[in-house]
């Protein structure tokens, strides 16, 4: 029962890319960690020009979510979401932008509350999306609801600076 988390360094050209990884936590479910970034081609607002990218990933294995928290070299922003949640889906491109903007400061992890209700219960997730910022393995800050990218970046940066 291990969790594998790839950490990736990507230098995106003006194109689309998608990166994700899954690993088994139990025989019935998998915990997904991923980065997905989409950029709309400026020549066409309805298309995305996609080109292959080279992603250098370092695979890290963890025995549990707590192990992941304790062994992360950066603060983690955990997005508790559900696939049926409209505001959660609206946050996908925003989280991609935030992940890229703060790539040197935080890592973003997404946890599907339908697949991992025990984690959602442990952290008292009652509204979606719920964002929990962990630092040094400890809950650092939490906030709920959809935010714009600049608001989310400001909230994270303020939280990390205020409690240092």
Protein backbone atom coordinates (compact mmCIF):
# COMPACT_ATOMS: atom_id res chain seq x y z
CA UNK A 1 0.00 0.00 0.00
CA UNK A 2 2.29 2.74 -1.23
CA UNK A 3 1.60 6.15 -2.72
CA UNK A 4 3.84 7.20 -5.60
CA UNK A 5 4.14 10.91 -6.25
CA UNK A 6 6.07 12.07 -9.27
CA UNK A 7 7.57 15.51 -9.04
CA UNK A 8 8.10 17.06 -12.42
CA UNK A 9 9.98 19.93 -13.91
CA UNK A 10 8.36 21.10 -17.11
CA UNK A 11 9.31 24.00 -19.32
CA UNK A 12 6.16 24.49 -21.36
CA UNK A 13 6.32 25.85 -24.87
CA UNK A 14 3.27 27.62 -26.24
CA UNK A 15 1.25 24.43 -26.34
CA UNK A 16 -0.75 22.09 -24.12
CA UNK A 17 0.55 19.45 -21.82
CA UNK A 18 -0.87 16.97 -19.43
CA UNK A 19 0.88 14.97 -16.74
CA UNK A 20 -0.62 12.65 -14.20
CA UNK A 21 0.19 9.55 -12.23
CA UNK A 22 -1.84 7.06 -10.27
CA UNK A 23 -0.85 4.57 -7.63
CA UNK A 24 -2.73 2.03 -5.61
CA UNK A 25 -3.66 2.70 -2.01
CA UNK A 26 -5.96 -0.27 -1.84
CA UNK A 27 -7.27 -2.88 -4.20
CA UNK A 28 -10.31 -0.72 -4.96
CA UNK A 29 -9.03 2.82 -5.39
CA UNK A 30 -6.14 4.95 -6.54
CA UNK A 31 -4.90 8.34 -5.38
CA UNK A 32 -4.26 10.71 -8.28
CA UNK A 33 -1.61 13.35 -8.29
CA UNK A 34 -1.23 15.45 -11.34
CA UNK A 35 -0.44 18.61 -13.15
CA UNK A 36 -2.47 19.64 -16.15
CA UNK A 37 -1.95 22.84 -18.05
CA UNK A 38 -3.84 24.00 -21.10
CA UNK A 39 -3.04 27.05 -23.12
CA UNK A 40 -5.33 28.30 -25.87
CA UNK A 41 -3.64 29.08 -29.15
CA UNK A 42 -3.89 32.82 -29.73
CA UNK A 43 -4.83 32.27 -33.40
CA UNK A 44 -7.90 30.24 -32.52
CA UNK A 45 -9.94 30.64 -29.38
CA UNK A 46 -11.57 27.23 -29.78
CA UNK A 47 -8.46 25.08 -30.30
CA UNK A 48 -5.40 24.20 -28.32
CA UNK A 49 -2.21 23.53 -30.28
CA UNK A 50 -0.70 20.53 -28.53
CA UNK A 51 2.89 19.44 -28.96
CA UNK A 52 4.78 16.64 -27.23
CA UNK A 53 6.82 17.69 -24.21
CA UNK A 54 9.65 16.12 -22.33
CA UNK A 55 8.77 15.74 -18.66
CA UNK A 56 11.53 14.87 -16.25
CA UNK A 57 9.86 13.23 -13.27
CA UNK A 58 11.26 11.98 -10.02
CA UNK A 59 9.13 9.23 -8.54
CA UNK A 60 8.69 9.27 -4.79
CA UNK A 61 6.94 6.51 -2.89
CA UNK A 62 5.05 7.03 0.36
CA UNK A 63 3.35 4.50 2.60
CA UNK A 64 0.51 6.84 3.55
CA UNK A 65 -0.83 10.36 3.13
CA UNK A 66 0.86 11.28 6.43
CA UNK A 67 4.16 10.00 5.04
CA UNK A 68 3.64 12.18 1.96
CA UNK A 69 3.04 15.23 4.16
CA UNK A 70 6.09 14.60 6.33
CA UNK A 71 8.47 13.91 3.44
CA UNK A 72 7.48 16.72 1.10
CA UNK A 73 10.32 19.13 0.43
CA UNK A 74 7.81 21.96 -0.20
CA UNK A 75 4.54 23.01 1.39
CA UNK A 76 1.63 21.12 -0.15
CA UNK A 77 -1.61 22.66 -1.32
CA UNK A 78 -4.15 19.84 -1.20
CA UNK A 79 -7.29 20.32 -3.27
CA UNK A 80 -10.13 18.17 -1.92
CA UNK A 81 -12.57 17.88 -4.81
CA UNK A 82 -15.22 15.69 -6.41
CA UNK A 83 -15.72 15.00 -10.11
CA UNK A 84 -19.40 16.01 -9.92
CA UNK A 85 -18.60 19.40 -8.27
CA UNK A 86 -19.00 22.31 -10.71
CA UNK A 87 -16.83 24.81 -8.77
CA UNK A 88 -14.16 22.08 -8.43
CA UNK A 89 -14.07 21.71 -12.20
CA UNK A 90 -13.83 25.49 -12.61
CA UNK A 91 -10.74 25.41 -10.36
CA UNK A 92 -8.78 23.02 -12.61
CA UNK A 93 -7.26 25.67 -14.93
CA UNK A 94 -6.85 28.04 -11.99
CA UNK A 95 -4.91 25.43 -10.02
CA UNK A 96 -2.75 24.80 -13.09
CA UNK A 97 -1.92 28.50 -13.24
CA UNK A 98 -1.24 28.67 -9.49
CA UNK A 99 0.92 25.55 -9.67
CA UNK A 100 3.00 27.11 -12.43
CA UNK A 101 3.22 30.52 -10.72
CA UNK A 102 4.28 29.06 -7.35
CA UNK A 103 6.23 26.05 -8.66
CA UNK A 104 9.30 26.95 -6.59
CA UNK A 105 7.25 27.45 -3.40
CA UNK A 106 4.55 24.75 -3.26
CA UNK A 107 3.38 21.47 -4.73
CA UNK A 108 -0.27 20.88 -5.61
CA UNK A 109 -1.98 17.58 -4.80
CA UNK A 110 -5.57 16.74 -5.74
CA UNK A 111 -7.61 14.27 -3.68
CA UNK A 112 -10.96 12.98 -4.89
CA UNK A 113 -13.21 12.91 -1.81
CA UNK A 114 -15.40 10.23 -3.39
CA UNK A 115 -12.45 7.84 -3.58
CA UNK A 116 -10.92 8.86 -0.24
CA UNK A 117 -13.75 9.70 2.16
CA UNK A 118 -11.58 8.78 5.16
CA UNK A 119 -9.11 11.56 4.28
CA UNK A 120 -11.98 14.00 3.74
CA UNK A 121 -13.41 13.04 7.13
CA UNK A 122 -10.03 13.26 8.85
CA UNK A 123 -9.63 16.88 7.68
CA UNK A 124 -13.33 17.72 8.16
CA UNK A 125 -13.99 18.54 4.53
CA UNK A 126 -17.63 19.58 4.42
CA UNK A 127 -17.67 21.89 1.39
CA UNK A 128 -16.09 21.56 -2.03
CA UNK A 129 -13.64 22.59 -3.12
CA UNK A 130 -11.66 22.72 0.11
CA UNK A 131 -8.00 23.69 0.00
CA UNK A 132 -5.66 22.76 2.81
CA UNK A 133 -2.12 24.07 2.90
CA UNK A 134 0.32 21.79 4.74
CA UNK A 135 3.80 22.83 5.79
CA UNK A 136 6.32 20.58 7.53
CA UNK A 137 3.66 17.89 7.74
CA UNK A 138 1.23 20.10 9.63
CA UNK A 139 -2.00 21.79 8.64
CA UNK A 140 -0.97 25.37 7.96
CA UNK A 141 -4.09 27.00 6.50
CA UNK A 142 -7.42 26.02 4.99
CA UNK A 143 -10.02 27.75 2.86
CA UNK A 144 -13.08 26.75 0.92
CA UNK A 145 -14.70 27.72 -2.33
CA UNK A 146 -13.60 28.74 -5.78
CA UNK A 147 -11.13 31.60 -6.08
CA UNK A 148 -9.50 33.41 -8.96
CA UNK A 149 -5.84 32.56 -9.59
CA UNK A 150 -4.50 35.87 -8.26
CA UNK A 151 -6.61 35.53 -5.10
CA UNK A 152 -5.37 31.98 -4.52
CA UNK A 153 -1.72 32.95 -5.07
CA UNK A 154 -2.09 35.91 -2.70
CA UNK A 155 -3.77 33.74 -0.05
CA UNK A 156 -1.02 31.10 -0.22
CA UNK A 157 1.84 33.61 -0.19
CA UNK A 158 0.30 35.59 2.68
CA UNK A 159 -0.28 32.43 4.69
CA UNK A 160 3.25 31.16 4.20
CA UNK A 161 4.76 34.56 5.12
CA UNK A 162 2.48 35.36 8.05
CA UNK A 163 3.23 32.24 10.05
CA UNK A 164 7.01 32.10 9.56
